[in-house]
Amino acid sequence: MTIFTQHPHDQGISYFEHWAFAIGIAWRLLRSVLAFAIHALFPWITIEKQLDLEATSAFLLERNDFIETAADKTADDAYPAAA
């Protein structure tokens, strides 16, 4: 196991699934950061509702729940409950 695959393996996903998950979050956060930076310079330009703080927080919580559920399922599959 390499340094590139250890963490994804521990989460029960492939390197590329981990990459896609992380890039998706990074892309969403980058869009939000840019919206806020533009708004900071030009206050009359509003931040789109889908990029505001509330929507960004909801997005991050949903993605966190998704990955935790996937990790829990992987742990359950690896260590089934005693019958």
Protein backbone atom coordinates (compact mmCIF):
# COMPACT_ATOMS: atom_id res chain seq x y z
CA MET A 1 0.00 0.00 0.00
CA THR A 2 1.37 3.40 -0.93
CA ILE A 3 0.94 6.78 0.68
CA PHE A 4 -1.50 7.57 -2.13
CA THR A 5 -3.82 4.65 -1.44
CA GLN A 6 -3.65 4.10 2.33
CA HIS A 7 -6.14 6.77 3.37
CA PRO A 8 -8.71 6.00 0.63
CA HIS A 9 -8.38 2.29 1.46
CA ASP A 10 -9.03 3.06 5.13
CA GLN A 11 -12.22 4.86 4.02
CA GLY A 12 -13.29 1.89 1.89
CA ILE A 13 -13.01 3.70 -1.44
CA SER A 14 -10.58 3.71 -4.34
CA TYR A 15 -7.99 6.40 -4.95
CA PHE A 16 -10.05 7.77 -7.85
CA GLU A 17 -13.29 7.79 -5.83
CA HIS A 18 -11.44 9.73 -3.13
CA TRP A 19 -10.03 12.09 -5.74
CA ALA A 20 -13.47 12.75 -7.24
CA PHE A 21 -15.00 13.34 -3.80
CA ALA A 22 -12.24 15.75 -2.71
CA ILE A 23 -12.11 17.62 -6.04
CA GLY A 24 -15.89 18.04 -5.95
CA ILE A 25 -15.68 19.68 -2.55
CA ALA A 26 -12.68 21.81 -3.55
CA TRP A 27 -14.44 23.00 -6.72
CA ARG A 28 -17.59 23.94 -4.78
CA LEU A 29 -15.58 25.80 -2.13
CA LEU A 30 -13.51 27.60 -4.76
CA ARG A 31 -16.68 28.89 -6.42
CA SER A 32 -17.95 30.12 -3.04
CA VAL A 33 -14.62 31.78 -2.19
CA LEU A 34 -14.56 33.57 -5.54
CA ALA A 35 -18.13 34.79 -5.05
CA PHE A 36 -17.25 36.19 -1.63
CA ALA A 37 -14.02 37.79 -2.90
CA ILE A 38 -15.88 39.51 -5.74
CA HIS A 39 -18.58 40.63 -3.30
CA ALA A 40 -15.90 42.01 -0.96
CA LEU A 41 -14.50 44.20 -3.75
CA PHE A 42 -17.83 45.09 -5.30
CA PRO A 43 -20.48 45.04 -2.55
CA TRP A 44 -23.32 45.77 -4.97
CA ILE A 45 -22.72 42.38 -6.65
CA THR A 46 -24.71 39.89 -4.65
CA ILE A 47 -23.67 36.34 -3.82
CA GLU A 48 -25.80 33.70 -5.52
CA LYS A 49 -28.07 31.87 -3.08
CA GLN A 50 -26.42 28.52 -3.95
CA LEU A 51 -23.00 29.90 -2.93
CA ASP A 52 -23.89 31.80 0.26
CA LEU A 53 -22.80 30.67 3.72
CA GLU A 54 -25.98 28.76 4.50
CA ALA A 55 -25.92 26.81 1.23
CA THR A 56 -22.19 26.11 1.56
CA SER A 57 -22.63 24.84 5.12
CA ALA A 58 -25.52 22.61 4.04
CA PHE A 59 -23.43 21.26 1.15
CA LEU A 60 -20.50 20.43 3.43
CA LEU A 61 -22.73 18.75 6.01
CA GLU A 62 -24.43 16.65 3.31
CA ARG A 63 -21.10 15.56 1.82
CA ASN A 64 -19.75 14.75 5.29
CA ASP A 65 -22.82 12.63 6.06
CA PHE A 66 -22.42 10.87 2.71
CA ILE A 67 -18.78 9.93 3.28
CA GLU A 68 -19.34 8.93 6.92
CA THR A 69 -22.22 6.68 5.88
CA ALA A 70 -20.02 5.09 3.22
CA ALA A 71 -17.20 4.58 5.74
CA ASP A 72 -19.64 3.07 8.28
CA LYS A 73 -20.98 0.68 5.64
CA THR A 74 -17.43 -0.39 4.77
CA ALA A 75 -16.66 -0.99 8.44
CA ASP A 76 -19.86 -3.02 8.82
CA ASP A 77 -18.94 -5.11 5.77
CA ALA A 78 -15.44 -5.73 7.13
CA TYR A 79 -16.59 -6.62 10.64
CA PRO A 80 -20.11 -8.11 10.50
CA ALA A 81 -22.01 -8.26 13.76
CA ALA A 82 -21.93 -11.58 15.57
CA ALA A 83 -25.08 -13.60 14.91
